Amino acid sequence: MTLKRPAKSSEYDVSDQVAVYIADALMELALQFEATHFAQIRRHYNSIAPRRDYDPSQLDLFGEDQPF
């Protein structure tokens, strides 16, 4: 199936090759940022993660903080 470009071009039209280069550069930037700031990102996600409610009548089948 051949995809057709819209008749009206936008100001952000680029060639396929340029689109790939930009996507690769952005991905590399995102990966470097994540590698540099991984601890901060993990702390943030851990701080907003829902906590398990403690209910003494509920059996604990898996123990504390078992990895999945």
N, C-alpha and C. Protein backbone atom coordinates (compact mmCIF):
# COMPACT_ATOMS: atom_id res chain seq x y z
N MET A 1 0.84 -1.17 0.00
CA MET A 1 0.00 0.00 0.00
C MET A 1 0.89 1.24 0.00
N THR A 2 0.64 2.12 -0.90
CA THR A 2 1.42 3.35 -1.01
C THR A 2 0.72 4.47 -0.28
N LEU A 3 1.47 5.12 0.61
CA LEU A 3 0.92 6.26 1.33
C LEU A 3 1.15 7.52 0.52
N LYS A 4 0.13 8.34 0.43
CA LYS A 4 0.25 9.59 -0.32
C LYS A 4 0.37 10.75 0.64
N ARG A 5 1.17 11.71 0.25
CA ARG A 5 1.30 12.93 1.04
C ARG A 5 0.10 13.82 0.79
N PRO A 6 -0.30 14.57 1.79
CA PRO A 6 -1.40 15.50 1.57
C PRO A 6 -1.00 16.55 0.54
N ALA A 7 -1.98 17.05 -0.19
CA ALA A 7 -1.71 18.03 -1.24
C ALA A 7 -1.12 19.32 -0.67
N LYS A 8 -1.61 19.71 0.50
CA LYS A 8 -1.13 20.93 1.13
C LYS A 8 0.07 20.58 2.02
N SER A 9 1.23 21.18 1.74
CA SER A 9 2.41 20.87 2.53
C SER A 9 2.48 21.82 3.72
N SER A 10 3.03 21.30 4.81
CA SER A 10 3.20 22.12 5.99
C SER A 10 4.61 22.69 6.02
N GLU A 11 4.86 23.59 6.93
CA GLU A 11 6.20 24.19 7.02
C GLU A 11 7.21 23.22 7.59
N TYR A 12 6.77 22.07 8.10
CA TYR A 12 7.67 21.09 8.71
C TYR A 12 7.93 19.89 7.81
N ASP A 13 7.60 19.97 6.57
CA ASP A 13 7.86 18.85 5.66
C ASP A 13 9.36 18.65 5.50
N VAL A 14 9.78 17.40 5.64
CA VAL A 14 11.18 17.03 5.44
C VAL A 14 11.22 15.75 4.63
N SER A 15 12.38 15.46 4.09
CA SER A 15 12.52 14.22 3.33
C SER A 15 12.50 13.03 4.28
N ASP A 16 12.32 11.85 3.73
CA ASP A 16 12.32 10.64 4.55
C ASP A 16 13.66 10.46 5.27
N GLN A 17 14.75 10.74 4.58
CA GLN A 17 16.08 10.57 5.17
C GLN A 17 16.28 11.55 6.33
N VAL A 18 15.85 12.79 6.15
CA VAL A 18 15.98 13.78 7.21
C VAL A 18 15.10 13.39 8.40
N ALA A 19 13.91 12.88 8.15
CA ALA A 19 13.03 12.44 9.23
C ALA A 19 13.69 11.35 10.05
N VAL A 20 14.37 10.42 9.39
CA VAL A 20 15.07 9.34 10.10
C VAL A 20 16.22 9.90 10.93
N TYR A 21 17.00 10.83 10.37
CA TYR A 21 18.11 11.43 11.12
C TYR A 21 17.60 12.17 12.35
N ILE A 22 16.52 12.92 12.20
CA ILE A 22 15.96 13.65 13.34
C ILE A 22 15.45 12.69 14.40
N ALA A 23 14.74 11.65 13.98
CA ALA A 23 14.22 10.65 14.93
C ALA A 23 15.37 9.97 15.67
N ASP A 24 16.44 9.62 14.96
CA ASP A 24 17.60 8.99 15.60
C ASP A 24 18.26 9.93 16.60
N ALA A 25 18.40 11.19 16.23
CA ALA A 25 19.03 12.17 17.13
C ALA A 25 18.17 12.36 18.38
N LEU A 26 16.86 12.47 18.23
CA LEU A 26 15.97 12.65 19.38
C LEU A 26 15.99 11.42 20.29
N MET A 27 16.03 10.23 19.70
CA MET A 27 16.08 9.01 20.49
C MET A 27 17.39 8.94 21.27
N GLU A 28 18.49 9.28 20.63
CA GLU A 28 19.79 9.28 21.31
C GLU A 28 19.79 10.28 22.46
N LEU A 29 19.22 11.46 22.23
CA LEU A 29 19.13 12.47 23.28
C LEU A 29 18.28 11.97 24.45
N ALA A 30 17.15 11.34 24.14
CA ALA A 30 16.27 10.81 25.20
C ALA A 30 16.97 9.71 25.99
N LEU A 31 17.69 8.83 25.31
CA LEU A 31 18.39 7.74 26.00
C LEU A 31 19.52 8.27 26.89
N GLN A 32 20.25 9.27 26.41
CA GLN A 32 21.31 9.86 27.22
C GLN A 32 20.72 10.57 28.44
N PHE A 33 19.62 11.28 28.24
CA PHE A 33 18.97 11.97 29.35
C PHE A 33 18.50 10.97 30.40
N GLU A 34 17.86 9.89 29.94
CA GLU A 34 17.36 8.87 30.86
C GLU A 34 18.51 8.20 31.62
N ALA A 35 19.60 7.92 30.94
CA ALA A 35 20.75 7.30 31.60
C ALA A 35 21.36 8.23 32.64
N THR A 36 21.38 9.52 32.36
CA THR A 36 21.95 10.49 33.28
C THR A 36 21.06 10.74 34.48
N HIS A 37 19.75 10.75 34.27
CA HIS A 37 18.81 11.12 35.32
C HIS A 37 17.94 9.95 35.78
N PHE A 38 18.43 8.73 35.60
CA PHE A 38 17.63 7.55 35.92
C PHE A 38 17.18 7.53 37.37
N ALA A 39 18.07 7.84 38.29
CA ALA A 39 17.72 7.79 39.72
C ALA A 39 16.60 8.78 40.05
N GLN A 40 16.67 9.96 39.47
CA GLN A 40 15.63 10.96 39.72
C GLN A 40 14.29 10.52 39.13
N ILE A 41 14.34 9.96 37.93
CA ILE A 41 13.12 9.49 37.28
C ILE A 41 12.50 8.36 38.10
N ARG A 42 13.33 7.42 38.56
CA ARG A 42 12.84 6.28 39.35
C ARG A 42 12.24 6.77 40.67
N ARG A 43 12.91 7.73 41.35
CA ARG A 43 12.36 8.28 42.59
C ARG A 43 11.00 8.91 42.38
N HIS A 44 10.87 9.64 41.29
CA HIS A 44 9.58 10.29 41.01
C HIS A 44 8.48 9.25 40.80
N TYR A 45 8.75 8.25 39.96
CA TYR A 45 7.73 7.22 39.72
C TYR A 45 7.42 6.44 40.99
N ASN A 46 8.42 6.18 41.81
CA ASN A 46 8.16 5.49 43.08
C ASN A 46 7.32 6.35 44.02
N SER A 47 7.52 7.67 43.98
CA SER A 47 6.77 8.55 44.87
C SER A 47 5.29 8.67 44.48
N ILE A 48 4.98 8.46 43.20
CA ILE A 48 3.58 8.58 42.77
C ILE A 48 2.89 7.22 42.62
N ALA A 49 3.63 6.14 42.83
CA ALA A 49 3.05 4.80 42.71
C ALA A 49 2.09 4.56 43.88
N PRO A 50 0.97 3.91 43.61
CA PRO A 50 0.04 3.61 44.70
C PRO A 50 0.66 2.65 45.70
N ARG A 51 0.40 2.88 46.96
CA ARG A 51 0.92 2.03 48.02
C ARG A 51 -0.11 0.93 48.33
N ARG A 52 0.41 -0.23 48.73
CA ARG A 52 -0.49 -1.31 49.13
C ARG A 52 -1.08 -1.00 50.49
N ASP A 53 -2.37 -1.22 50.60
CA ASP A 53 -3.03 -1.05 51.89
C ASP A 53 -2.69 -2.23 52.79
N TYR A 54 -2.49 -1.94 54.06
CA TYR A 54 -2.22 -3.00 55.01
C TYR A 54 -3.54 -3.42 55.64
N ASP A 55 -3.89 -4.68 55.46
CA ASP A 55 -5.09 -5.24 56.04
C ASP A 55 -4.69 -6.53 56.74
N PRO A 56 -4.70 -6.55 58.09
CA PRO A 56 -4.23 -7.74 58.80
C PRO A 56 -5.07 -8.99 58.51
N SER A 57 -6.29 -8.83 58.06
CA SER A 57 -7.12 -10.01 57.77
C SER A 57 -6.84 -10.59 56.38
N GLN A 58 -6.09 -9.85 55.56
CA GLN A 58 -5.77 -10.32 54.21
C GLN A 58 -4.50 -11.16 54.26
N LEU A 59 -4.56 -12.36 53.67
CA LEU A 59 -3.37 -13.21 53.61
C LEU A 59 -2.35 -12.62 52.65
N ASP A 60 -1.09 -12.69 53.03
CA ASP A 60 -0.02 -12.20 52.17
C ASP A 60 0.56 -13.40 51.45
N LEU A 61 0.16 -13.60 50.20
CA LEU A 61 0.58 -14.77 49.45
C LEU A 61 1.97 -14.65 48.86
N PHE A 62 2.44 -13.44 48.67
CA PHE A 62 3.68 -13.24 47.94
C PHE A 62 4.79 -12.62 48.77
N GLY A 63 4.57 -12.26 50.01
CA GLY A 63 5.61 -11.64 50.82
C GLY A 63 5.73 -10.16 50.51
N GLU A 64 6.67 -9.53 51.15
CA GLU A 64 6.87 -8.09 50.97
C GLU A 64 7.66 -7.80 49.70
N ASP A 65 7.15 -6.90 48.90
CA ASP A 65 7.85 -6.34 47.73
C ASP A 65 8.51 -7.40 46.87
N GLN A 66 7.79 -8.39 46.49
CA GLN A 66 8.33 -9.42 45.61
C GLN A 66 8.39 -8.87 44.18
N PRO A 67 9.52 -9.05 43.49
CA PRO A 67 9.61 -8.59 42.09
C PRO A 67 8.75 -9.48 41.20
N PHE A 68 8.22 -8.88 40.19
CA PHE A 68 7.37 -9.63 39.25
C PHE A 68 8.10 -9.92 37.99
